[in-house]
PDB file of N, CA and C in Angstrom:
ATOM      1  N   MET A   1      53.524  23.564  38.859  1.00  0.00           N
ATOM      2  CA  MET A   1      54.234  23.754  37.601  1.00  0.00           C
ATOM      3  C   MET A   1      54.426  25.251  37.353  1.00  0.00           C
ATOM      4  N   ILE A   2      55.589  25.614  36.925  1.00  0.00           N
ATOM      5  CA  ILE A   2      55.908  27.001  36.618  1.00  0.00           C
ATOM      6  C   ILE A   2      55.238  27.383  35.306  1.00  0.00           C
ATOM      7  N   GLU A   3      54.646  28.574  35.287  1.00  0.00           N
ATOM      8  CA  GLU A   3      54.020  29.090  34.076  1.00  0.00           C
ATOM      9  C   GLU A   3      55.077  29.339  33.012  1.00  0.00           C
ATOM     10  N   SER A   4      54.875  28.786  31.831  1.00  0.00           N
ATOM     11  CA  SER A   4      55.806  29.006  30.728  1.00  0.00           C
ATOM     12  C   SER A   4      55.650  30.423  30.200  1.00  0.00           C
ATOM     13  N   GLN A   5      56.736  31.182  30.220  1.00  0.00           N
ATOM     14  CA  GLN A   5      56.693  32.550  29.710  1.00  0.00           C
ATOM     15  C   GLN A   5      56.584  32.568  28.189  1.00  0.00           C
ATOM     16  N   VAL A   6      57.158  31.579  27.529  1.00  0.00           N
ATOM     17  CA  VAL A   6      57.056  31.476  26.071  1.00  0.00           C
ATOM     18  C   VAL A   6      55.608  31.202  25.675  1.00  0.00           C
ATOM     19  N   GLU A   7      54.947  30.284  26.382  1.00  0.00           N
ATOM     20  CA  GLU A   7      53.538  29.997  26.096  1.00  0.00           C
ATOM     21  C   GLU A   7      52.656  31.192  26.435  1.00  0.00           C
ATOM     22  N   LEU A   8      52.967  31.881  27.518  1.00  0.00           N
ATOM     23  CA  LEU A   8      52.211  33.073  27.879  1.00  0.00           C
ATOM     24  C   LEU A   8      52.332  34.127  26.785  1.00  0.00           C
ATOM     25  N   LYS A   9      53.534  34.337  26.269  1.00  0.00           N
ATOM     26  CA  LYS A   9      53.746  35.314  25.196  1.00  0.00           C
ATOM     27  C   LYS A   9      52.900  34.957  23.978  1.00  0.00           C
ATOM     28  N   GLN A  10      52.874  33.694  23.614  1.00  0.00           N
ATOM     29  CA  GLN A  10      52.091  33.264  22.446  1.00  0.00           C
ATOM     30  C   GLN A  10      50.596  33.465  22.687  1.00  0.00           C
ATOM     31  N   SER A  11      50.128  33.163  23.881  1.00  0.00           N
ATOM     32  CA  SER A  11      48.720  33.354  24.220  1.00  0.00           C
ATOM     33  C   SER A  11      48.331  34.827  24.141  1.00  0.00           C
ATOM     34  N   ILE A  12      49.191  35.698  24.646  1.00  0.00           N
ATOM     35  CA  ILE A  12      48.938  37.140  24.590  1.00  0.00           C
ATOM     36  C   ILE A  12      48.902  37.595  23.132  1.00  0.00           C
ATOM     37  N   ALA A  13      49.846  37.126  22.335  1.00  0.00           N
ATOM     38  CA  ALA A  13      49.896  37.496  20.920  1.00  0.00           C
ATOM     39  C   ALA A  13      48.620  37.068  20.209  1.00  0.00           C
ATOM     40  N   ASN A  14      48.176  35.854  20.472  1.00  0.00           N
ATOM     41  CA  ASN A  14      46.960  35.360  19.828  1.00  0.00           C
ATOM     42  C   ASN A  14      45.748  36.201  20.208  1.00  0.00           C
ATOM     43  N   GLY A  15      45.622  36.508  21.473  1.00  0.00           N
ATOM     44  CA  GLY A  15      44.491  37.311  21.936  1.00  0.00           C
ATOM     45  C   GLY A  15      44.510  38.712  21.354  1.00  0.00           C
ATOM     46  N   PHE A  16      45.692  39.333  21.290  1.00  0.00           N
ATOM     47  CA  PHE A  16      45.761  40.692  20.774  1.00  0.00           C
ATOM     48  C   PHE A  16      45.555  40.730  19.264  1.00  0.00           C
ATOM     49  N   GLU A  17      46.016  39.715  18.560  1.00  0.00           N
ATOM     50  CA  GLU A  17      45.775  39.644  17.111  1.00  0.00           C
ATOM     51  C   GLU A  17      44.278  39.546  16.828  1.00  0.00           C
ATOM     52  N   LEU A  18      43.561  38.776  17.626  1.00  0.00           N
ATOM     53  CA  LEU A  18      42.110  38.680  17.472  1.00  0.00           C
ATOM     54  C   LEU A  18      41.470  40.044  17.708  1.00  0.00           C
ATOM     55  N   TYR A  19      41.892  40.730  18.766  1.00  0.00           N
ATOM     56  CA  TYR A  19      41.370  42.064  19.045  1.00  0.00           C
ATOM     57  C   TYR A  19      41.623  43.006  17.865  1.00  0.00           C
ATOM     58  N   LYS A  20      42.845  42.966  17.328  1.00  0.00           N
ATOM     59  CA  LYS A  20      43.193  43.855  16.226  1.00  0.00           C
ATOM     60  C   LYS A  20      42.363  43.567  14.980  1.00  0.00           C
ATOM     61  N   LYS A  21      42.009  42.320  14.738  1.00  0.00           N
ATOM     62  CA  LYS A  21      41.153  41.988  13.600  1.00  0.00           C
ATOM     63  C   LYS A  21      39.753  42.562  13.786  1.00  0.00           C
ATOM     64  N   LEU A  22      39.284  42.550  15.021  1.00  0.00           N
ATOM     65  CA  LEU A  22      37.943  43.059  15.307  1.00  0.00           C
ATOM     66  C   LEU A  22      37.910  44.583  15.401  1.00  0.00           C
ATOM     67  N   MET A  23      39.045  45.201  15.670  1.00  0.00           N
ATOM     68  CA  MET A  23      39.139  46.652  15.841  1.00  0.00           C
ATOM     69  C   MET A  23      40.299  47.211  15.011  1.00  0.00           C
ATOM     70  N   PRO A  24      40.227  47.117  13.680  1.00  0.00           N
ATOM     71  CA  PRO A  24      41.368  47.495  12.844  1.00  0.00           C
ATOM     72  C   PRO A  24      41.764  48.971  12.951  1.00  0.00           C
ATOM     73  N   GLU A  25      40.807  49.879  13.151  1.00  0.00           N
ATOM     74  CA  GLU A  25      41.150  51.301  13.258  1.00  0.00           C
ATOM     75  C   GLU A  25      41.967  51.558  14.526  1.00  0.00           C
ATOM     76  N   ILE A  26      41.579  50.937  15.607  1.00  0.00           N
ATOM     77  CA  ILE A  26      42.311  51.082  16.865  1.00  0.00           C
ATOM     78  C   ILE A  26      43.685  50.443  16.731  1.00  0.00           C
ATOM     79  N   ALA A  27      43.746  49.295  16.095  1.00  0.00           N
ATOM     80  CA  ALA A  27      45.021  48.594  15.908  1.00  0.00           C
ATOM     81  C   ALA A  27      46.003  49.455  15.115  1.00  0.00           C
ATOM     82  N   ALA A  28      45.518  50.089  14.054  1.00  0.00           N
ATOM     83  CA  ALA A  28      46.392  50.923  13.235  1.00  0.00           C
ATOM     84  C   ALA A  28      46.924  52.106  14.050  1.00  0.00           C
ATOM     85  N   ALA A  29      46.054  52.736  14.806  1.00  0.00           N
ATOM     86  CA  ALA A  29      46.483  53.872  15.624  1.00  0.00           C
ATOM     87  C   ALA A  29      47.455  53.408  16.709  1.00  0.00           C
ATOM     88  N   TYR A  30      47.168  52.279  17.305  1.00  0.00           N
ATOM     89  CA  TYR A  30      48.031  51.749  18.359  1.00  0.00           C
ATOM     90  C   TYR A  30      49.428  51.435  17.832  1.00  0.00           C
ATOM     91  N   ASP A  31      49.504  50.853  16.657  1.00  0.00           N
ATOM     92  CA  ASP A  31      50.791  50.439  16.098  1.00  0.00           C
ATOM     93  C   ASP A  31      51.690  51.624  15.726  1.00  0.00           C
ATOM     94  N   GLU A  32      51.104  52.777  15.438  1.00  0.00           N
ATOM     95  CA  GLU A  32      51.893  53.941  15.033  1.00  0.00           C
ATOM     96  C   GLU A  32      52.762  54.485  16.163  1.00  0.00           C
ATOM     97  N   LEU A  33      52.221  54.563  17.372  1.00  0.00           N
ATOM     98  CA  LEU A  33      52.957  55.170  18.474  1.00  0.00           C
ATOM     99  C   LEU A  33      54.229  54.392  18.833  1.00  0.00           C
ATOM    100  N   PRO A  34      54.153  53.077  19.057  1.00  0.00           N
ATOM    101  CA  PRO A  34      55.396  52.358  19.363  1.00  0.00           C
ATOM    102  C   PRO A  34      56.416  52.417  18.225  1.00  0.00           C
ATOM    103  N   ALA A  35      55.939  52.389  16.980  1.00  0.00           N
ATOM    104  CA  ALA A  35      56.873  52.449  15.853  1.00  0.00           C
ATOM    105  C   ALA A  35      57.681  53.743  15.905  1.00  0.00           C
ATOM    106  N   GLU A  36      57.034  54.828  16.247  1.00  0.00           N
ATOM    107  CA  GLU A  36      57.719  56.116  16.347  1.00  0.00           C
ATOM    108  C   GLU A  36      58.553  56.199  17.628  1.00  0.00           C
ATOM    109  N   THR A  37      57.993  55.759  18.725  1.00  0.00           N
ATOM    110  CA  THR A  37      58.629  55.890  20.033  1.00  0.00           C
ATOM    111  C   THR A  37      59.933  55.117  20.130  1.00  0.00           C
ATOM    112  N   TYR A  38      59.949  53.889  19.640  1.00  0.00           N
ATOM    113  CA  TYR A  38      61.092  53.008  19.861  1.00  0.00           C
ATOM    114  C   TYR A  38      62.140  53.033  18.762  1.00  0.00           C
ATOM    115  N   LYS A  39      61.986  53.924  17.784  1.00  0.00           N
ATOM    116  CA  LYS A  39      63.043  54.010  16.767  1.00  0.00           C
ATOM    117  C   LYS A  39      64.253  54.717  17.369  1.00  0.00           C
ATOM    118  N   ASP A  40      65.424  54.490  16.767  1.00  0.00           N
ATOM    119  CA  ASP A  40      66.643  55.123  17.245  1.00  0.00           C
ATOM    120  C   ASP A  40      66.535  56.638  17.156  1.00  0.00           C
ATOM    121  N   GLY A  41      67.018  57.281  18.191  1.00  0.00           N
ATOM    122  CA  GLY A  41      67.081  58.740  18.248  1.00  0.00           C
ATOM    123  C   GLY A  41      68.252  59.092  19.137  1.00  0.00           C
ATOM    124  N   ALA A  42      68.042  59.993  20.077  1.00  0.00           N
ATOM    125  CA  ALA A  42      69.091  60.295  21.054  1.00  0.00           C
ATOM    126  C   ALA A  42      69.422  59.043  21.858  1.00  0.00           C
ATOM    127  N   LEU A  43      68.420  58.221  22.082  1.00  0.00           N
ATOM    128  CA  LEU A  43      68.602  56.894  22.698  1.00  0.00           C
ATOM    129  C   LEU A  43      68.378  55.844  21.616  1.00  0.00           C
ATOM    130  N   THR A  44      69.081  54.740  21.723  1.00  0.00           N
ATOM    131  CA  THR A  44      68.858  53.661  20.760  1.00  0.00           C
ATOM    132  C   THR A  44      67.548  52.946  21.079  1.00  0.00           C
ATOM    133  N   GLY A  45      67.021  52.261  20.087  1.00  0.00           N
ATOM    134  CA  GLY A  45      65.826  51.464  20.309  1.00  0.00           C
ATOM    135  C   GLY A  45      66.034  50.435  21.409  1.00  0.00           C
ATOM    136  N   LYS A  46      67.218  49.848  21.453  1.00  0.00           N
ATOM    137  CA  LYS A  46      67.537  48.868  22.494  1.00  0.00           C
ATOM    138  C   LYS A  46      67.454  49.500  23.873  1.00  0.00           C
ATOM    139  N   GLU A  47      68.046  50.675  24.022  1.00  0.00           N
ATOM    140  CA  GLU A  47      68.002  51.358  25.320  1.00  0.00           C
ATOM    141  C   GLU A  47      66.560  51.685  25.716  1.00  0.00           C
ATOM    142  N   LYS A  48      65.770  52.108  24.749  1.00  0.00           N
ATOM    143  CA  LYS A  48      64.366  52.429  25.019  1.00  0.00           C
ATOM    144  C   LYS A  48      63.591  51.184  25.439  1.00  0.00           C
ATOM    145  N   ARG A  49      63.867  50.061  24.789  1.00  0.00           N
ATOM    146  CA  ARG A  49      63.182  48.812  25.147  1.00  0.00           C
ATOM    147  C   ARG A  49      63.581  48.362  26.545  1.00  0.00           C
ATOM    148  N   LEU A  50      64.852  48.515  26.909  1.00  0.00           N
ATOM    149  CA  LEU A  50      65.277  48.172  28.266  1.00  0.00           C
ATOM    150  C   LEU A  50      64.618  49.095  29.289  1.00  0.00           C
ATOM    151  N   MET A  51      64.496  50.371  28.948  1.00  0.00           N
ATOM    152  CA  MET A  51      63.793  51.305  29.836  1.00  0.00           C
ATOM    153  C   MET A  51      62.335  50.887  30.000  1.00  0.00           C
ATOM    154  N   ALA A  52      61.719  50.510  28.909  1.00  0.00           N
ATOM    155  CA  ALA A  52      60.323  50.079  28.955  1.00  0.00           C
ATOM    156  C   ALA A  52      60.175  48.793  29.775  1.00  0.00           C
ATOM    157  N   MET A  53      61.161  47.905  29.667  1.00  0.00           N
ATOM    158  CA  MET A  53      61.115  46.682  30.466  1.00  0.00           C
ATOM    159  C   MET A  53      61.176  47.015  31.949  1.00  0.00           C
ATOM    160  N   VAL A  54      62.024  47.973  32.329  1.00  0.00           N
ATOM    161  CA  VAL A  54      62.100  48.398  33.730  1.00  0.00           C
ATOM    162  C   VAL A  54      60.743  48.914  34.189  1.00  0.00           C
ATOM    163  N   ALA A  55      60.122  49.765  33.375  1.00  0.00           N
ATOM    164  CA  ALA A  55      58.803  50.295  33.728  1.00  0.00           C
ATOM    165  C   ALA A  55      57.784  49.169  33.861  1.00  0.00           C
ATOM    166  N   ALA A  56      57.861  48.196  32.966  1.00  0.00           N
ATOM    167  CA  ALA A  56      56.938  47.065  33.015  1.00  0.00           C
ATOM    168  C   ALA A  56      57.154  46.223  34.267  1.00  0.00           C
ATOM    169  N   LEU A  57      58.403  46.029  34.648  1.00  0.00           N
ATOM    170  CA  LEU A  57      58.701  45.270  35.865  1.00  0.00           C
ATOM    171  C   LEU A  57      58.158  45.982  37.097  1.00  0.00           C
ATOM    172  N   VAL A  58      58.367  47.286  37.162  1.00  0.00           N
ATOM    173  CA  VAL A  58      57.872  48.060  38.301  1.00  0.00           C
ATOM    174  C   VAL A  58      56.344  48.100  38.292  1.00  0.00           C
ATOM    175  N   GLY A  59      55.767  48.225  37.089  1.00  0.00           N
ATOM    176  CA  GLY A  59      54.310  48.273  36.964  1.00  0.00           C
ATOM    177  C   GLY A  59      53.630  46.918  36.999  1.00  0.00           C
ATOM    178  N   ARG A  60      54.416  45.858  36.945  1.00  0.00           N
ATOM    179  CA  ARG A  60      53.938  44.482  37.033  1.00  0.00           C
ATOM    180  C   ARG A  60      53.001  44.095  35.885  1.00  0.00           C
ATOM    181  N   CYS A  61      53.355  44.519  34.678  1.00  0.00           N
ATOM    182  CA  CYS A  61      52.579  44.157  33.487  1.00  0.00           C
ATOM    183  C   CYS A  61      53.271  42.972  32.813  1.00  0.00           C
ATOM    184  N   ARG A  62      52.706  41.785  33.008  1.00  0.00           N
ATOM    185  CA  ARG A  62      53.394  40.585  32.522  1.00  0.00           C
ATOM    186  C   ARG A  62      53.569  40.577  31.010  1.00  0.00           C
ATOM    187  N   ALA A  63      52.576  41.028  30.255  1.00  0.00           N
ATOM    188  CA  ALA A  63      52.725  41.074  28.800  1.00  0.00           C
ATOM    189  C   ALA A  63      53.830  42.051  28.414  1.00  0.00           C
ATOM    190  N   CYS A  64      53.834  43.208  29.045  1.00  0.00           N
ATOM    191  CA  CYS A  64      54.844  44.230  28.728  1.00  0.00           C
ATOM    192  C   CYS A  64      56.246  43.744  29.075  1.00  0.00           C
ATOM    193  N   ILE A  65      56.376  43.057  30.194  1.00  0.00           N
ATOM    194  CA  ILE A  65      57.691  42.540  30.600  1.00  0.00           C
ATOM    195  C   ILE A  65      58.245  41.631  29.514  1.00  0.00           C
ATOM    196  N   ILE A  66      57.445  40.666  29.117  1.00  0.00           N
ATOM    197  CA  ILE A  66      57.918  39.675  28.150  1.00  0.00           C
ATOM    198  C   ILE A  66      58.179  40.313  26.792  1.00  0.00           C
ATOM    199  N   TYR A  67      57.271  41.140  26.340  1.00  0.00           N
ATOM    200  CA  TYR A  67      57.448  41.738  25.018  1.00  0.00           C
ATOM    201  C   TYR A  67      58.605  42.727  24.980  1.00  0.00           C
ATOM    202  N   GLN A  68      58.732  43.577  25.986  1.00  0.00           N
ATOM    203  CA  GLN A  68      59.851  44.529  25.986  1.00  0.00           C
ATOM    204  C   GLN A  68      61.181  43.792  26.087  1.00  0.00           C
ATOM    205  N   LEU A  69      61.215  42.740  26.888  1.00  0.00           N
ATOM    206  CA  LEU A  69      62.417  41.908  26.978  1.00  0.00           C
ATOM    207  C   LEU A  69      62.754  41.315  25.619  1.00  0.00           C
ATOM    208  N   ASP A  70      61.764  40.749  24.961  1.00  0.00           N
ATOM    209  CA  ASP A  70      61.989  40.110  23.670  1.00  0.00           C
ATOM    210  C   ASP A  70      62.441  41.126  22.616  1.00  0.00           C
ATOM    211  N   TYR A  71      61.816  42.293  22.589  1.00  0.00           N
ATOM    212  CA  TYR A  71      62.239  43.337  21.650  1.00  0.00           C
ATOM    213  C   TYR A  71      63.676  43.772  21.941  1.00  0.00           C
ATOM    214  N   ALA A  72      64.021  43.928  23.217  1.00  0.00           N
ATOM    215  CA  ALA A  72      65.388  44.319  23.579  1.00  0.00           C
ATOM    216  C   ALA A  72      66.390  43.264  23.104  1.00  0.00           C
ATOM    217  N   ILE A  73      66.038  42.001  23.274  1.00  0.00           N
ATOM    218  CA  ILE A  73      66.903  40.914  22.807  1.00  0.00           C
ATOM    219  C   ILE A  73      67.069  40.986  21.294  1.00  0.00           C
ATOM    220  N   GLU A  74      65.968  41.193  20.573  1.00  0.00           N
ATOM    221  CA  GLU A  74      66.031  41.295  19.113  1.00  0.00           C
ATOM    222  C   GLU A  74      66.942  42.442  18.675  1.00  0.00           C
ATOM    223  N   LEU A  75      67.012  43.487  19.494  1.00  0.00           N
ATOM    224  CA  LEU A  75      67.857  44.642  19.165  1.00  0.00           C
ATOM    225  C   LEU A  75      69.277  44.501  19.702  1.00  0.00           C
ATOM    226  N   GLY A  76      69.602  43.316  20.250  1.00  0.00           N
ATOM    227  CA  GLY A  76      70.976  43.038  20.642  1.00  0.00           C
ATOM    228  C   GLY A  76      71.291  43.179  22.119  1.00  0.00           C
ATOM    229  N   ALA A  77      70.286  43.322  22.970  1.00  0.00           N
ATOM    230  CA  ALA A  77      70.554  43.434  24.407  1.00  0.00           C
ATOM    231  C   ALA A  77      71.248  42.170  24.901  1.00  0.00           C
ATOM    232  N   THR A  78      72.289  42.362  25.674  1.00  0.00           N
ATOM    233  CA  THR A  78      73.030  41.238  26.228  1.00  0.00           C
ATOM    234  C   THR A  78      72.429  40.830  27.573  1.00  0.00           C
ATOM    235  N   GLN A  79      72.826  39.668  28.035  1.00  0.00           N
ATOM    236  CA  GLN A  79      72.376  39.212  29.347  1.00  0.00           C
ATOM    237  C   GLN A  79      72.770  40.216  30.427  1.00  0.00           C
ATOM    238  N   ASP A  80      73.984  40.721  30.361  1.00  0.00           N
ATOM    239  CA  ASP A  80      74.437  41.677  31.366  1.00  0.00           C
ATOM    240  C   ASP A  80      73.604  42.952  31.340  1.00  0.00           C
ATOM    241  N   GLU A  81      73.277  43.447  30.158  1.00  0.00           N
ATOM    242  CA  GLU A  81      72.440  44.649  30.060  1.00  0.00           C
ATOM    243  C   GLU A  81      71.054  44.392  30.639  1.00  0.00           C
ATOM    244  N   ILE A  82      70.503  43.236  30.339  1.00  0.00           N
ATOM    245  CA  ILE A  82      69.181  42.877  30.839  1.00  0.00           C
ATOM    246  C   ILE A  82      69.199  42.769  32.356  1.00  0.00           C
ATOM    247  N   LEU A  83      70.213  42.095  32.897  1.00  0.00           N
ATOM    248  CA  LEU A  83      70.296  41.927  34.347  1.00  0.00           C
ATOM    249  C   LEU A  83      70.502  43.256  35.062  1.00  0.00           C
ATOM    250  N   GLU A  84      71.295  44.155  34.475  1.00  0.00           N
ATOM    251  CA  GLU A  84      71.473  45.474  35.079  1.00  0.00           C
ATOM    252  C   GLU A  84      70.180  46.270  35.040  1.00  0.00           C
ATOM    253  N   ALA A  85      69.446  46.167  33.949  1.00  0.00           N
ATOM    254  CA  ALA A  85      68.144  46.836  33.874  1.00  0.00           C
ATOM    255  C   ALA A  85      67.202  46.274  34.936  1.00  0.00           C
ATOM    256  N   CYS A  86      67.255  44.973  35.146  1.00  0.00           N
ATOM    257  CA  CYS A  86      66.444  44.349  36.198  1.00  0.00           C
ATOM    258  C   CYS A  86      66.822  44.895  37.570  1.00  0.00           C
ATOM    259  N   ALA A  87      68.107  45.145  37.774  1.00  0.00           N
ATOM    260  CA  ALA A  87      68.558  45.713  39.050  1.00  0.00           C
ATOM    261  C   ALA A  87      67.958  47.096  39.273  1.00  0.00           C
ATOM    262  N   VAL A  88      67.864  47.884  38.200  1.00  0.00           N
ATOM    263  CA  VAL A  88      67.233  49.205  38.311  1.00  0.00           C
ATOM    264  C   VAL A  88      65.767  49.039  38.705  1.00  0.00           C
ATOM    265  N   ALA A  89      65.083  48.083  38.080  1.00  0.00           N
ATOM    266  CA  ALA A  89      63.677  47.838  38.413  1.00  0.00           C
ATOM    267  C   ALA A  89      63.518  47.443  39.877  1.00  0.00           C
ATOM    268  N   ILE A  90      64.393  46.582  40.358  1.00  0.00           N
ATOM    269  CA  ILE A  90      64.326  46.150  41.754  1.00  0.00           C
ATOM    270  C   ILE A  90      64.595  47.329  42.685  1.00  0.00           C
ATOM    271  N   SER A  91      65.558  48.174  42.327  1.00  0.00           N
ATOM    272  CA  SER A  91      65.851  49.350  43.135  1.00  0.00           C
ATOM    273  C   SER A  91      64.640  50.275  43.219  1.00  0.00           C
ATOM    274  N   LEU A  92      63.943  50.423  42.101  1.00  0.00           N
ATOM    275  CA  LEU A  92      62.763  51.298  42.075  1.00  0.00           C
ATOM    276  C   LEU A  92      61.523  50.636  42.657  1.00  0.00           C
ATOM    277  N   GLY A  93      61.340  49.367  42.358  1.00  0.00           N
ATOM    278  CA  GLY A  93      60.079  48.704  42.684  1.00  0.00           C
ATOM    279  C   GLY A  93      60.112  47.734  43.842  1.00  0.00           C
ATOM    280  N   GLY A  94      61.270  47.555  44.454  1.00  0.00           N
ATOM    281  CA  GLY A  94      61.366  46.690  45.625  1.00  0.00           C
ATOM    282  C   GLY A  94      61.003  45.240  45.347  1.00  0.00           C
ATOM    283  N   THR A  95      60.418  44.606  46.361  1.00  0.00           N
ATOM    284  CA  THR A  95      60.155  43.173  46.278  1.00  0.00           C
ATOM    285  C   THR A  95      59.121  42.820  45.210  1.00  0.00           C
ATOM    286  N   MET A  96      58.188  43.733  44.926  1.00  0.00           N
ATOM    287  CA  MET A  96      57.209  43.423  43.879  1.00  0.00           C
ATOM    288  C   MET A  96      57.890  43.335  42.514  1.00  0.00           C
ATOM    289  N   ALA A  97      58.814  44.242  42.235  1.00  0.00           N
ATOM    290  CA  ALA A  97      59.561  44.177  40.979  1.00  0.00           C
ATOM    291  C   ALA A  97      60.495  42.967  40.977  1.00  0.00           C
ATOM    292  N   ALA A  98      61.078  42.665  42.129  1.00  0.00           N
ATOM    293  CA  ALA A  98      61.960  41.495  42.220  1.00  0.00           C
ATOM    294  C   ALA A  98      61.191  40.226  41.873  1.00  0.00           C
ATOM    295  N   GLY A  99      59.960  40.146  42.318  1.00  0.00           N
ATOM    296  CA  GLY A  99      59.135  38.987  41.976  1.00  0.00           C
ATOM    297  C   GLY A  99      58.894  38.898  40.477  1.00  0.00           C
ATOM    298  N   GLU A 100      58.711  40.036  39.827  1.00  0.00           N
ATOM    299  CA  GLU A 100      58.473  40.040  38.380  1.00  0.00           C
ATOM    300  C   GLU A 100      59.748  39.760  37.592  1.00  0.00           C
ATOM    301  N   VAL A 101      60.900  40.053  38.176  1.00  0.00           N
ATOM    302  CA  VAL A 101      62.174  39.746  37.513  1.00  0.00           C
ATOM    303  C   VAL A 101      62.280  38.238  37.256  1.00  0.00           C
ATOM    304  N   THR A 102      61.601  37.445  38.061  1.00  0.00           N
ATOM    305  CA  THR A 102      61.630  36.001  37.820  1.00  0.00           C
ATOM    306  C   THR A 102      61.068  35.658  36.442  1.00  0.00           C
ATOM    307  N   ARG A 103      60.126  36.453  35.928  1.00  0.00           N
ATOM    308  CA  ARG A 103      59.617  36.236  34.561  1.00  0.00           C
ATOM    309  C   ARG A 103      60.754  36.383  33.558  1.00  0.00           C
ATOM    310  N   VAL A 104      61.565  37.402  33.754  1.00  0.00           N
ATOM    311  CA  VAL A 104      62.710  37.635  32.864  1.00  0.00           C
ATOM    312  C   VAL A 104      63.642  36.432  32.913  1.00  0.00           C
ATOM    313  N   MET A 105      63.948  35.974  34.115  1.00  0.00           N
ATOM    314  CA  MET A 105      64.872  34.853  34.262  1.00  0.00           C
ATOM    315  C   MET A 105      64.309  33.581  33.626  1.00  0.00           C
ATOM    316  N   HIS A 106      63.018  33.324  33.854  1.00  0.00           N
ATOM    317  CA  HIS A 106      62.397  32.130  33.255  1.00  0.00           C
ATOM    318  C   HIS A 106      62.375  32.237  31.728  1.00  0.00           C
ATOM    319  N   TYR A 107      62.078  33.426  31.200  1.00  0.00           N
ATOM    320  CA  TYR A 107      62.039  33.606  29.749  1.00  0.00           C
ATOM    321  C   TYR A 107      63.429  33.379  29.149  1.00  0.00           C
ATOM    322  N   LEU A 108      64.445  33.964  29.753  1.00  0.00           N
ATOM    323  CA  LEU A 108      65.807  33.764  29.262  1.00  0.00           C
ATOM    324  C   LEU A 108      66.194  32.288  29.315  1.00  0.00           C
ATOM    325  N   ASP A 109      65.805  31.617  30.391  1.00  0.00           N
ATOM    326  CA  ASP A 109      66.110  30.197  30.534  1.00  0.00           C
ATOM    327  C   ASP A 109      65.355  29.366  29.499  1.00  0.00           C
ATOM    328  N   GLU A 110      64.059  29.640  29.330  1.00  0.00           N
ATOM    329  CA  GLU A 110      63.235  28.872  28.379  1.00  0.00           C
ATOM    330  C   GLU A 110      63.707  29.037  26.941  1.00  0.00           C
ATOM    331  N   THR A 111      64.244  30.182  26.618  1.00  0.00           N
ATOM    332  CA  THR A 111      64.679  30.455  25.247  1.00  0.00           C
ATOM    333  C   THR A 111      66.184  30.200  25.067  1.00  0.00           C
ATOM    334  N   ASP A 112      66.789  29.567  26.050  1.00  0.00           N
ATOM    335  CA  ASP A 112      68.220  29.228  26.012  1.00  0.00           C
ATOM    336  C   ASP A 112      69.117  30.451  25.826  1.00  0.00           C
ATOM    337  N   LEU A 113      68.676  31.583  26.367  1.00  0.00           N
ATOM    338  CA  LEU A 113      69.473  32.811  26.299  1.00  0.00           C
ATOM    339  C   LEU A 113      70.172  33.118  27.602  1.00  0.00           C
ATOM    340  N   LEU A 114      69.943  32.288  28.612  1.00  0.00           N
ATOM    341  CA  LEU A 114      70.544  32.508  29.921  1.00  0.00           C
ATOM    342  C   LEU A 114      71.896  31.842  29.963  1.00  0.00           C
ATOM    343  N   ASN A 115      72.922  32.635  30.240  1.00  0.00           N
ATOM    344  CA  ASN A 115      74.276  32.132  30.368  1.00  0.00           C
ATOM    345  C   ASN A 115      74.441  31.683  31.831  1.00  0.00           C
ATOM    346  N   ASN A 116      74.469  30.414  32.062  1.00  0.00           N
ATOM    347  CA  ASN A 116      74.530  29.864  33.425  1.00  0.00           C
ATOM    348  C   ASN A 116      75.958  29.647  33.935  1.00  0.00           C
ATOM    349  N   GLN A 117      76.932  30.270  33.308  1.00  0.00           N
ATOM    350  CA  GLN A 117      78.324  30.041  33.717  1.00  0.00           C
ATOM    351  C   GLN A 117      78.583  30.446  35.157  1.00  0.00           C
ATOM    352  N   ASN A 118      77.899  31.487  35.609  1.00  0.00           N
ATOM    353  CA  ASN A 118      78.156  32.011  36.957  1.00  0.00           C
ATOM    354  C   ASN A 118      77.200  31.432  38.001  1.00  0.00           C
ATOM    355  N   VAL A 119      76.388  30.484  37.627  1.00  0.00           N
ATOM    356  CA  VAL A 119      75.394  29.926  38.556  1.00  0.00           C
ATOM    357  C   VAL A 119      75.915  28.657  39.180  1.00  0.00           C
TER     358      VAL A 119
END
């Protein structure tokens, strides 16, 4: 059975929320950096999230892949933008990144965001 990326995201969220309750000072400090980093500036928040997704794919961080993908989608990233970003990850990270791109594809499929017209 294929691992559900939606269920994995929820499991990660639950675990991190528990951690944040037990370590509120760390949670507050942690939350400040992404809020500042991913706001619009010379680059849009969407572009920054897509960049972060590429880094996550190359670094093989499953939580980061799913969350950066989801944030990029929330900021309006299109399927084409996501797929092109995945191509950059594959170019940089080779077969290991290509294997992680399957998480992106499964997540898009599970959330009905995958346009299958060309498949």
